[in-house]
Amino acid sequence: MTLRLDMFLKKTHLLKRRELARELCDEGVVRVNGIPRKASFELKVGDELLFPVYNRILKVRVLDIPAGSVPKTSQWSMVEILEEKRMPVDFGPGEDPTIPRPKTPTEH
């Protein structure tokens, strides 16, 4: 049994939206077995995925292909987490996200 890459990411709740999965695939940041793949790539059991999720990079192995909807409580039965890396948040020099930015003056 196989399932499209974007559908798998959405159905297993690894990404919230299928459109986001498609965008990440189009940008070439979703890898299946080390190779960037399109959203239409057919996944099968045993494939390894590497993709960014917010400020992390997840590497997971596909354990099962869902036939229908997957309850959020069962999402981790579909994949095995092989590796999880935190990506450093890169702010510009002197930028602190907790401090509000000054408003730019407007011309009248």
PDB file of N, CA and C in Angstrom:
ATOM      1  N   MET A   1       0.845  -1.182   0.000  1.00  0.00           N
ATOM      2  CA  MET A   1       0.000   0.000   0.000  1.00  0.00           C
ATOM      3  C   MET A   1       0.887   1.242   0.000  1.00  0.00           C
ATOM      4  N   THR A   2       0.490   2.243  -0.751  1.00  0.00           N
ATOM      5  CA  THR A   2       1.239   3.500  -0.835  1.00  0.00           C
ATOM      6  C   THR A   2       0.297   4.680  -0.607  1.00  0.00           C
ATOM      7  N   LEU A   3       0.877   5.833  -0.351  1.00  0.00           N
ATOM      8  CA  LEU A   3       0.108   7.061  -0.147  1.00  0.00           C
ATOM      9  C   LEU A   3       0.984   8.233  -0.566  1.00  0.00           C
ATOM     10  N   ARG A   4       0.368   9.239  -1.158  1.00  0.00           N
ATOM     11  CA  ARG A   4       1.106  10.450  -1.547  1.00  0.00           C
ATOM     12  C   ARG A   4       1.801  11.063  -0.343  1.00  0.00           C
ATOM     13  N   LEU A   5       2.974  11.621  -0.562  1.00  0.00           N
ATOM     14  CA  LEU A   5       3.774  12.221   0.497  1.00  0.00           C
ATOM     15  C   LEU A   5       3.015  13.327   1.223  1.00  0.00           C
ATOM     16  N   ASP A   6       2.398  14.248   0.478  1.00  0.00           N
ATOM     17  CA  ASP A   6       1.688  15.354   1.125  1.00  0.00           C
ATOM     18  C   ASP A   6       0.497  14.860   1.941  1.00  0.00           C
ATOM     19  N   MET A   7      -0.211  13.854   1.445  1.00  0.00           N
ATOM     20  CA  MET A   7      -1.348  13.292   2.181  1.00  0.00           C
ATOM     21  C   MET A   7      -0.874  12.597   3.460  1.00  0.00           C
ATOM     22  N   PHE A   8       0.244  11.891   3.387  1.00  0.00           N
ATOM     23  CA  PHE A   8       0.773  11.205   4.567  1.00  0.00           C
ATOM     24  C   PHE A   8       1.118  12.211   5.659  1.00  0.00           C
ATOM     25  N   LEU A   9       1.814  13.290   5.282  1.00  0.00           N
ATOM     26  CA  LEU A   9       2.198  14.305   6.265  1.00  0.00           C
ATOM     27  C   LEU A   9       0.979  14.939   6.920  1.00  0.00           C
ATOM     28  N   LYS A  10      -0.074  15.144   6.147  1.00  0.00           N
ATOM     29  CA  LYS A  10      -1.310  15.730   6.685  1.00  0.00           C
ATOM     30  C   LYS A  10      -2.080  14.722   7.528  1.00  0.00           C
ATOM     31  N   LYS A  11      -2.301  13.514   7.007  1.00  0.00           N
ATOM     32  CA  LYS A  11      -3.117  12.522   7.720  1.00  0.00           C
ATOM     33  C   LYS A  11      -2.500  12.092   9.047  1.00  0.00           C
ATOM     34  N   THR A  12      -1.188  12.066   9.119  1.00  0.00           N
ATOM     35  CA  THR A  12      -0.517  11.651  10.355  1.00  0.00           C
ATOM     36  C   THR A  12      -0.269  12.829  11.292  1.00  0.00           C
ATOM     37  N   HIS A  13      -0.769  13.999  10.950  1.00  0.00           N
ATOM     38  CA  HIS A  13      -0.679  15.202  11.776  1.00  0.00           C
ATOM     39  C   HIS A  13       0.760  15.667  11.987  1.00  0.00           C
ATOM     40  N   LEU A  14       1.666  15.260  11.100  1.00  0.00           N
ATOM     41  CA  LEU A  14       3.040  15.756  11.198  1.00  0.00           C
ATOM     42  C   LEU A  14       3.108  17.204  10.733  1.00  0.00           C
ATOM     43  N   LEU A  15       2.274  17.555   9.761  1.00  0.00           N
ATOM     44  CA  LEU A  15       2.090  18.943   9.336  1.00  0.00           C
ATOM     45  C   LEU A  15       0.603  19.242   9.392  1.00  0.00           C
ATOM     46  N   LYS A  16       0.263  20.482   9.697  1.00  0.00           N
ATOM     47  CA  LYS A  16      -1.146  20.817   9.905  1.00  0.00           C
ATOM     48  C   LYS A  16      -1.959  20.896   8.616  1.00  0.00           C
ATOM     49  N   ARG A  17      -1.319  21.321   7.536  1.00  0.00           N
ATOM     50  CA  ARG A  17      -2.072  21.519   6.293  1.00  0.00           C
ATOM     51  C   ARG A  17      -1.388  20.829   5.129  1.00  0.00           C
ATOM     52  N   ARG A  18      -2.193  20.313   4.223  1.00  0.00           N
ATOM     53  CA  ARG A  18      -1.660  19.664   3.029  1.00  0.00           C
ATOM     54  C   ARG A  18      -0.953  20.684   2.139  1.00  0.00           C
ATOM     55  N   GLU A  19      -1.467  21.912   2.109  1.00  0.00           N
ATOM     56  CA  GLU A  19      -0.841  22.967   1.294  1.00  0.00           C
ATOM     57  C   GLU A  19       0.576  23.249   1.786  1.00  0.00           C
ATOM     58  N   LEU A  20       0.770  23.228   3.108  1.00  0.00           N
ATOM     59  CA  LEU A  20       2.104  23.444   3.668  1.00  0.00           C
ATOM     60  C   LEU A  20       3.028  22.304   3.253  1.00  0.00           C
ATOM     61  N   ALA A  21       2.527  21.085   3.301  1.00  0.00           N
ATOM     62  CA  ALA A  21       3.325  19.927   2.875  1.00  0.00           C
ATOM     63  C   ALA A  21       3.731  20.078   1.412  1.00  0.00           C
ATOM     64  N   ARG A  22       2.788  20.514   0.571  1.00  0.00           N
ATOM     65  CA  ARG A  22       3.072  20.715  -0.853  1.00  0.00           C
ATOM     66  C   ARG A  22       4.138  21.789  -1.061  1.00  0.00           C
ATOM     67  N   GLU A  23       4.008  22.897  -0.326  1.00  0.00           N
ATOM     68  CA  GLU A  23       4.972  23.992  -0.452  1.00  0.00           C
ATOM     69  C   GLU A  23       6.378  23.531  -0.055  1.00  0.00           C
ATOM     70  N   LEU A  24       6.473  22.803   1.050  1.00  0.00           N
ATOM     71  CA  LEU A  24       7.778  22.321   1.500  1.00  0.00           C
ATOM     72  C   LEU A  24       8.387  21.353   0.487  1.00  0.00           C
ATOM     73  N   CYS A  25       7.554  20.520  -0.102  1.00  0.00           N
ATOM     74  CA  CYS A  25       8.038  19.596  -1.136  1.00  0.00           C
ATOM     75  C   CYS A  25       8.521  20.368  -2.364  1.00  0.00           C
ATOM     76  N   ASP A  26       7.757  21.375  -2.778  1.00  0.00           N
ATOM     77  CA  ASP A  26       8.138  22.184  -3.938  1.00  0.00           C
ATOM     78  C   ASP A  26       9.459  22.914  -3.709  1.00  0.00           C
ATOM     79  N   GLU A  27       9.727  23.303  -2.448  1.00  0.00           N
ATOM     80  CA  GLU A  27      10.974  23.983  -2.120  1.00  0.00           C
ATOM     81  C   GLU A  27      12.147  23.008  -2.007  1.00  0.00           C
ATOM     82  N   GLY A  28      11.857  21.718  -2.025  1.00  0.00           N
ATOM     83  CA  GLY A  28      12.911  20.708  -1.978  1.00  0.00           C
ATOM     84  C   GLY A  28      13.446  20.406  -0.590  1.00  0.00           C
ATOM     85  N   VAL A  29      12.687  20.761   0.460  1.00  0.00           N
ATOM     86  CA  VAL A  29      13.179  20.532   1.818  1.00  0.00           C
ATOM     87  C   VAL A  29      12.635  19.246   2.451  1.00  0.00           C
ATOM     88  N   VAL A  30      11.700  18.576   1.794  1.00  0.00           N
ATOM     89  CA  VAL A  30      11.220  17.287   2.287  1.00  0.00           C
ATOM     90  C   VAL A  30      11.970  16.199   1.534  1.00  0.00           C
ATOM     91  N   ARG A  31      12.674  15.363   2.291  1.00  0.00           N
ATOM     92  CA  ARG A  31      13.481  14.299   1.682  1.00  0.00           C
ATOM     93  C   ARG A  31      12.929  12.935   2.066  1.00  0.00           C
ATOM     94  N   VAL A  32      12.892  12.049   1.092  1.00  0.00           N
ATOM     95  CA  VAL A  32      12.502  10.660   1.318  1.00  0.00           C
ATOM     96  C   VAL A  32      13.720   9.815   0.992  1.00  0.00           C
ATOM     97  N   ASN A  33      14.194   9.085   1.976  1.00  0.00           N
ATOM     98  CA  ASN A  33      15.407   8.275   1.828  1.00  0.00           C
ATOM     99  C   ASN A  33      16.581   9.105   1.304  1.00  0.00           C
ATOM    100  N   GLY A  34      16.665  10.366   1.789  1.00  0.00           N
ATOM    101  CA  GLY A  34      17.776  11.244   1.445  1.00  0.00           C
ATOM    102  C   GLY A  34      17.641  12.016   0.151  1.00  0.00           C
ATOM    103  N   ILE A  35      16.532  11.827  -0.585  1.00  0.00           N
ATOM    104  CA  ILE A  35      16.345  12.473  -1.885  1.00  0.00           C
ATOM    105  C   ILE A  35      15.149  13.424  -1.811  1.00  0.00           C
ATOM    106  N   PRO A  36      15.314  14.702  -2.232  1.00  0.00           N
ATOM    107  CA  PRO A  36      14.164  15.608  -2.256  1.00  0.00           C
ATOM    108  C   PRO A  36      13.075  15.045  -3.164  1.00  0.00           C
ATOM    109  N   ARG A  37      11.840  15.045  -2.668  1.00  0.00           N
ATOM    110  CA  ARG A  37      10.733  14.469  -3.436  1.00  0.00           C
ATOM    111  C   ARG A  37       9.586  15.455  -3.581  1.00  0.00           C
ATOM    112  N   LYS A  38       8.826  15.274  -4.646  1.00  0.00           N
ATOM    113  CA  LYS A  38       7.626  16.070  -4.894  1.00  0.00           C
ATOM    114  C   LYS A  38       6.491  15.576  -3.997  1.00  0.00           C
ATOM    115  N   ALA A  39       5.454  16.394  -3.860  1.00  0.00           N
ATOM    116  CA  ALA A  39       4.303  16.051  -3.023  1.00  0.00           C
ATOM    117  C   ALA A  39       3.588  14.801  -3.522  1.00  0.00           C
ATOM    118  N   SER A  40       3.687  14.515  -4.806  1.00  0.00           N
ATOM    119  CA  SER A  40       2.980  13.373  -5.383  1.00  0.00           C
ATOM    120  C   SER A  40       3.742  12.052  -5.233  1.00  0.00           C
ATOM    121  N   PHE A  41       4.920  12.085  -4.631  1.00  0.00           N
ATOM    122  CA  PHE A  41       5.708  10.859  -4.458  1.00  0.00           C
ATOM    123  C   PHE A  41       4.924   9.860  -3.612  1.00  0.00           C
ATOM    124  N   GLU A  42       4.907   8.600  -4.036  1.00  0.00           N
ATOM    125  CA  GLU A  42       4.174   7.551  -3.327  1.00  0.00           C
ATOM    126  C   GLU A  42       5.045   6.935  -2.237  1.00  0.00           C
ATOM    127  N   LEU A  43       4.654   7.168  -0.983  1.00  0.00           N
ATOM    128  CA  LEU A  43       5.374   6.625   0.173  1.00  0.00           C
ATOM    129  C   LEU A  43       4.969   5.185   0.427  1.00  0.00           C
ATOM    130  N   LYS A  44       5.893   4.425   0.978  1.00  0.00           N
ATOM    131  CA  LYS A  44       5.580   3.059   1.391  1.00  0.00           C
ATOM    132  C   LYS A  44       6.205   2.804   2.758  1.00  0.00           C
ATOM    133  N   VAL A  45       5.790   1.735   3.408  1.00  0.00           N
ATOM    134  CA  VAL A  45       6.316   1.379   4.724  1.00  0.00           C
ATOM    135  C   VAL A  45       7.827   1.188   4.628  1.00  0.00           C
ATOM    136  N   GLY A  46       8.539   1.762   5.596  1.00  0.00           N
ATOM    137  CA  GLY A  46      10.003   1.644   5.634  1.00  0.00           C
ATOM    138  C   GLY A  46      10.720   2.867   5.109  1.00  0.00           C
ATOM    139  N   ASP A  47      10.029   3.747   4.370  1.00  0.00           N
ATOM    140  CA  ASP A  47      10.662   4.967   3.878  1.00  0.00           C
ATOM    141  C   ASP A  47      11.033   5.863   5.056  1.00  0.00           C
ATOM    142  N   GLU A  48      12.135   6.604   4.909  1.00  0.00           N
ATOM    143  CA  GLU A  48      12.561   7.557   5.927  1.00  0.00           C
ATOM    144  C   GLU A  48      12.352   8.971   5.408  1.00  0.00           C
ATOM    145  N   LEU A  49      11.705   9.802   6.218  1.00  0.00           N
ATOM    146  CA  LEU A  49      11.412  11.186   5.855  1.00  0.00           C
ATOM    147  C   LEU A  49      12.266  12.132   6.692  1.00  0.00           C
ATOM    148  N   LEU A  50      12.722  13.200   6.073  1.00  0.00           N
ATOM    149  CA  LEU A  50      13.440  14.269   6.754  1.00  0.00           C
ATOM    150  C   LEU A  50      12.790  15.567   6.317  1.00  0.00           C
ATOM    151  N   PHE A  51      12.252  16.338   7.282  1.00  0.00           N
ATOM    152  CA  PHE A  51      11.538  17.563   6.928  1.00  0.00           C
ATOM    153  C   PHE A  51      11.520  18.523   8.109  1.00  0.00           C
ATOM    154  N   PRO A  52      11.380  19.841   7.838  1.00  0.00           N
ATOM    155  CA  PRO A  52      11.319  20.830   8.919  1.00  0.00           C
ATOM    156  C   PRO A  52       9.897  20.966   9.450  1.00  0.00           C
ATOM    157  N   VAL A  53       9.802  21.130  10.761  1.00  0.00           N
ATOM    158  CA  VAL A  53       8.534  21.422  11.425  1.00  0.00           C
ATOM    159  C   VAL A  53       8.811  22.555  12.394  1.00  0.00           C
ATOM    160  N   TYR A  54       8.324  23.746  12.071  1.00  0.00           N
ATOM    161  CA  TYR A  54       8.563  24.939  12.875  1.00  0.00           C
ATOM    162  C   TYR A  54      10.057  25.110  13.116  1.00  0.00           C
ATOM    163  N   ASN A  55      10.530  25.036  14.356  1.00  0.00           N
ATOM    164  CA  ASN A  55      11.963  25.254  14.627  1.00  0.00           C
ATOM    165  C   ASN A  55      12.705  23.938  14.861  1.00  0.00           C
ATOM    166  N   ARG A  56      12.186  22.853  14.269  1.00  0.00           N
ATOM    167  CA  ARG A  56      12.825  21.537  14.406  1.00  0.00           C
ATOM    168  C   ARG A  56      12.971  20.886  13.036  1.00  0.00           C
ATOM    169  N   ILE A  57      13.869  19.928  12.982  1.00  0.00           N
ATOM    170  CA  ILE A  57      13.974  19.074  11.800  1.00  0.00           C
ATOM    171  C   ILE A  57      13.750  17.654  12.292  1.00  0.00           C
ATOM    172  N   LEU A  58      12.746  16.994  11.716  1.00  0.00           N
ATOM    173  CA  LEU A  58      12.399  15.641  12.117  1.00  0.00           C
ATOM    174  C   LEU A  58      12.864  14.631  11.078  1.00  0.00           C
ATOM    175  N   LYS A  59      13.380  13.513  11.568  1.00  0.00           N
ATOM    176  CA  LYS A  59      13.679  12.377  10.703  1.00  0.00           C
ATOM    177  C   LYS A  59      12.863  11.219  11.258  1.00  0.00           C
ATOM    178  N   VAL A  60      11.942  10.700  10.432  1.00  0.00           N
ATOM    179  CA  VAL A  60      11.047   9.632  10.884  1.00  0.00           C
ATOM    180  C   VAL A  60      11.045   8.490   9.878  1.00  0.00           C
ATOM    181  N   ARG A  61      10.693   7.314  10.362  1.00  0.00           N
ATOM    182  CA  ARG A  61      10.515   6.146   9.497  1.00  0.00           C
ATOM    183  C   ARG A  61       9.028   5.825   9.448  1.00  0.00           C
ATOM    184  N   VAL A  62       8.527   5.549   8.254  1.00  0.00           N
ATOM    185  CA  VAL A  62       7.120   5.206   8.070  1.00  0.00           C
ATOM    186  C   VAL A  62       6.908   3.764   8.544  1.00  0.00           C
ATOM    187  N   LEU A  63       6.023   3.597   9.546  1.00  0.00           N
ATOM    188  CA  LEU A  63       5.727   2.265  10.069  1.00  0.00           C
ATOM    189  C   LEU A  63       4.449   1.686   9.478  1.00  0.00           C
ATOM    190  N   ASP A  64       3.519   2.575   9.104  1.00  0.00           N
ATOM    191  CA  ASP A  64       2.232   2.128   8.571  1.00  0.00           C
ATOM    192  C   ASP A  64       1.667   3.222   7.678  1.00  0.00           C
ATOM    193  N   ILE A  65       0.906   2.813   6.684  1.00  0.00           N
ATOM    194  CA  ILE A  65       0.244   3.759   5.788  1.00  0.00           C
ATOM    195  C   ILE A  65      -1.231   3.821   6.192  1.00  0.00           C
ATOM    196  N   PRO A  66      -1.716   5.011   6.587  1.00  0.00           N
ATOM    197  CA  PRO A  66      -3.115   5.098   7.009  1.00  0.00           C
ATOM    198  C   PRO A  66      -4.075   4.893   5.846  1.00  0.00           C
ATOM    199  N   ALA A  67      -5.146   4.148   6.100  1.00  0.00           N
ATOM    200  CA  ALA A  67      -6.169   3.917   5.075  1.00  0.00           C
ATOM    201  C   ALA A  67      -7.191   5.050   5.080  1.00  0.00           C
ATOM    202  N   GLY A  68      -7.447   5.620   6.229  1.00  0.00           N
ATOM    203  CA  GLY A  68      -8.416   6.710   6.349  1.00  0.00           C
ATOM    204  C   GLY A  68      -7.865   7.774   7.270  1.00  0.00           C
ATOM    205  N   SER A  69      -8.767   8.411   8.005  1.00  0.00           N
ATOM    206  CA  SER A  69      -8.352   9.434   8.959  1.00  0.00           C
ATOM    207  C   SER A  69      -7.644   8.791  10.143  1.00  0.00           C
ATOM    208  N   VAL A  70      -6.672   9.509  10.678  1.00  0.00           N
ATOM    209  CA  VAL A  70      -5.908   9.027  11.835  1.00  0.00           C
ATOM    210  C   VAL A  70      -6.221   9.939  13.009  1.00  0.00           C
ATOM    211  N   PRO A  71      -6.736   9.382  14.116  1.00  0.00           N
ATOM    212  CA  PRO A  71      -6.946  10.226  15.291  1.00  0.00           C
ATOM    213  C   PRO A  71      -5.605  10.760  15.794  1.00  0.00           C
ATOM    214  N   LYS A  72      -5.633  11.974  16.307  1.00  0.00           N
ATOM    215  CA  LYS A  72      -4.384  12.597  16.777  1.00  0.00           C
ATOM    216  C   LYS A  72      -3.705  11.733  17.841  1.00  0.00           C
ATOM    217  N   THR A  73      -4.475  10.995  18.609  1.00  0.00           N
ATOM    218  CA  THR A  73      -3.899  10.147  19.651  1.00  0.00           C
ATOM    219  C   THR A  73      -3.126   8.967  19.065  1.00  0.00           C
ATOM    220  N   SER A  74      -3.379   8.633  17.797  1.00  0.00           N
ATOM    221  CA  SER A  74      -2.714   7.488  17.160  1.00  0.00           C
ATOM    222  C   SER A  74      -1.629   7.889  16.169  1.00  0.00           C
ATOM    223  N   GLN A  75      -1.341   9.187  16.068  1.00  0.00           N
ATOM    224  CA  GLN A  75      -0.413   9.651  15.037  1.00  0.00           C
ATOM    225  C   GLN A  75       0.967   9.013  15.167  1.00  0.00           C
ATOM    226  N   TRP A  76       1.443   8.771  16.384  1.00  0.00           N
ATOM    227  CA  TRP A  76       2.794   8.253  16.558  1.00  0.00           C
ATOM    228  C   TRP A  76       2.881   6.755  16.319  1.00  0.00           C
ATOM    229  N   SER A  77       1.750   6.098  16.091  1.00  0.00           N
ATOM    230  CA  SER A  77       1.798   4.677  15.738  1.00  0.00           C
ATOM    231  C   SER A  77       2.132   4.501  14.252  1.00  0.00           C
ATOM    232  N   MET A  78       2.066   5.571  13.487  1.00  0.00           N
ATOM    233  CA  MET A  78       2.342   5.522  12.047  1.00  0.00           C
ATOM    234  C   MET A  78       3.812   5.754  11.716  1.00  0.00           C
ATOM    235  N   VAL A  79       4.533   6.416  12.634  1.00  0.00           N
ATOM    236  CA  VAL A  79       5.935   6.752  12.380  1.00  0.00           C
ATOM    237  C   VAL A  79       6.789   6.452  13.599  1.00  0.00           C
ATOM    238  N   GLU A  80       8.075   6.273  13.347  1.00  0.00           N
ATOM    239  CA  GLU A  80       9.070   6.121  14.407  1.00  0.00           C
ATOM    240  C   GLU A  80      10.035   7.293  14.267  1.00  0.00           C
ATOM    241  N   ILE A  81      10.207   8.055  15.339  1.00  0.00           N
ATOM    242  CA  ILE A  81      11.129   9.190  15.292  1.00  0.00           C
ATOM    243  C   ILE A  81      12.551   8.660  15.381  1.00  0.00           C
ATOM    244  N   LEU A  82      13.342   8.945  14.349  1.00  0.00           N
ATOM    245  CA  LEU A  82      14.734   8.517  14.317  1.00  0.00           C
ATOM    246  C   LEU A  82      15.664   9.596  14.855  1.00  0.00           C
ATOM    247  N   GLU A  83      15.298  10.854  14.575  1.00  0.00           N
ATOM    248  CA  GLU A  83      16.152  11.971  14.978  1.00  0.00           C
ATOM    249  C   GLU A  83      15.306  13.237  15.034  1.00  0.00           C
ATOM    250  N   GLU A  84      15.625  14.088  15.992  1.00  0.00           N
ATOM    251  CA  GLU A  84      14.958  15.378  16.110  1.00  0.00           C
ATOM    252  C   GLU A  84      15.998  16.419  16.467  1.00  0.00           C
ATOM    253  N   LYS A  85      16.149  17.424  15.606  1.00  0.00           N
ATOM    254  CA  LYS A  85      17.126  18.491  15.834  1.00  0.00           C
ATOM    255  C   LYS A  85      16.397  19.806  15.996  1.00  0.00           C
ATOM    256  N   ARG A  86      16.865  20.591  16.906  1.00  0.00           N
ATOM    257  CA  ARG A  86      16.353  21.952  17.050  1.00  0.00           C
ATOM    258  C   ARG A  86      17.156  22.860  16.139  1.00  0.00           C
ATOM    259  N   MET A  87      16.461  23.728  15.414  1.00  0.00           N
ATOM    260  CA  MET A  87      17.142  24.707  14.566  1.00  0.00           C
ATOM    261  C   MET A  87      17.294  25.988  15.376  1.00  0.00           C
ATOM    262  N   PRO A  88      18.465  26.587  15.373  1.00  0.00           N
ATOM    263  CA  PRO A  88      18.608  27.852  16.101  1.00  0.00           C
ATOM    264  C   PRO A  88      17.793  28.940  15.407  1.00  0.00           C
ATOM    265  N   VAL A  89      17.156  29.749  16.213  1.00  0.00           N
ATOM    266  CA  VAL A  89      16.404  30.875  15.676  1.00  0.00           C
ATOM    267  C   VAL A  89      17.400  31.994  15.458  1.00  0.00           C
ATOM    268  N   ASP A  90      17.510  32.456  14.228  1.00  0.00           N
ATOM    269  CA  ASP A  90      18.519  33.445  13.880  1.00  0.00           C
ATOM    270  C   ASP A  90      17.881  34.829  13.802  1.00  0.00           C
ATOM    271  N   PHE A  91      18.183  35.649  14.780  1.00  0.00           N
ATOM    272  CA  PHE A  91      17.723  37.030  14.772  1.00  0.00           C
ATOM    273  C   PHE A  91      18.888  37.909  14.352  1.00  0.00           C
ATOM    274  N   GLY A  92      18.572  39.016  13.767  1.00  0.00           N
ATOM    275  CA  GLY A  92      19.610  39.949  13.348  1.00  0.00           C
ATOM    276  C   GLY A  92      20.347  40.502  14.550  1.00  0.00           C
ATOM    277  N   PRO A  93      21.453  41.197  14.322  1.00  0.00           N
ATOM    278  CA  PRO A  93      22.229  41.739  15.440  1.00  0.00           C
ATOM    279  C   PRO A  93      21.384  42.707  16.271  1.00  0.00           C
ATOM    280  N   GLY A  94      21.349  42.465  17.559  1.00  0.00           N
ATOM    281  CA  GLY A  94      20.621  43.352  18.458  1.00  0.00           C
ATOM    282  C   GLY A  94      19.121  43.176  18.438  1.00  0.00           C
ATOM    283  N   GLU A  95      18.609  42.226  17.670  1.00  0.00           N
ATOM    284  CA  GLU A  95      17.159  42.034  17.608  1.00  0.00           C
ATOM    285  C   GLU A  95      16.722  41.060  18.688  1.00  0.00           C
ATOM    286  N   ASP A  96      15.702  41.438  19.404  1.00  0.00           N
ATOM    287  CA  ASP A  96      15.111  40.567  20.408  1.00  0.00           C
ATOM    288  C   ASP A  96      13.629  40.485  20.099  1.00  0.00           C
ATOM    289  N   PRO A  97      13.103  39.286  19.846  1.00  0.00           N
ATOM    290  CA  PRO A  97      11.704  39.173  19.436  1.00  0.00           C
ATOM    291  C   PRO A  97      10.719  39.546  20.526  1.00  0.00           C
ATOM    292  N   THR A  98      11.185  39.651  21.778  1.00  0.00           N
ATOM    293  CA  THR A  98      10.264  39.988  22.866  1.00  0.00           C
ATOM    294  C   THR A  98      10.066  41.490  22.999  1.00  0.00           C
ATOM    295  N   ILE A  99      10.923  42.276  22.359  1.00  0.00           N
ATOM    296  CA  ILE A  99      10.812  43.736  22.428  1.00  0.00           C
ATOM    297  C   ILE A  99      10.077  44.227  21.192  1.00  0.00           C
ATOM    298  N   PRO A 100       9.014  45.018  21.371  1.00  0.00           N
ATOM    299  CA  PRO A 100       8.292  45.514  20.199  1.00  0.00           C
ATOM    300  C   PRO A 100       9.174  46.409  19.334  1.00  0.00           C
ATOM    301  N   ARG A 101       9.006  46.293  18.032  1.00  0.00           N
ATOM    302  CA  ARG A 101       9.797  47.124  17.112  1.00  0.00           C
ATOM    303  C   ARG A 101       9.249  48.537  17.094  1.00  0.00           C
ATOM    304  N   PRO A 102      10.156  49.513  16.930  1.00  0.00           N
ATOM    305  CA  PRO A 102       9.661  50.895  16.855  1.00  0.00           C
ATOM    306  C   PRO A 102       8.882  51.114  15.567  1.00  0.00           C
ATOM    307  N   LYS A 103       7.881  51.954  15.651  1.00  0.00           N
ATOM    308  CA  LYS A 103       7.078  52.248  14.460  1.00  0.00           C
ATOM    309  C   LYS A 103       7.874  53.166  13.540  1.00  0.00           C
ATOM    310  N   THR A 104       7.727  52.935  12.242  1.00  0.00           N
ATOM    311  CA  THR A 104       8.404  53.798  11.283  1.00  0.00           C
ATOM    312  C   THR A 104       7.598  55.067  11.109  1.00  0.00           C
ATOM    313  N   PRO A 105       8.301  56.206  11.011  1.00  0.00           N
ATOM    314  CA  PRO A 105       7.558  57.464  10.839  1.00  0.00           C
ATOM    315  C   PRO A 105       6.880  57.514   9.480  1.00  0.00           C
ATOM    316  N   THR A 106       5.727  58.119   9.442  1.00  0.00           N
ATOM    317  CA  THR A 106       5.005  58.273   8.179  1.00  0.00           C
ATOM    318  C   THR A 106       5.059  59.705   7.728  1.00  0.00           C
ATOM    319  N   GLU A 107       5.067  59.877   6.430  1.00  0.00           N
ATOM    320  CA  GLU A 107       5.092  61.229   5.877  1.00  0.00           C
ATOM    321  C   GLU A 107       3.669  61.695   5.651  1.00  0.00           C
ATOM    322  N   HIS A 108       3.414  62.978   5.940  1.00  0.00           N
ATOM    323  CA  HIS A 108       2.078  63.533   5.720  1.00  0.00           C
ATOM    324  C   HIS A 108       2.076  64.444   4.559  1.00  0.00           C
TER     325      HIS A 108
END
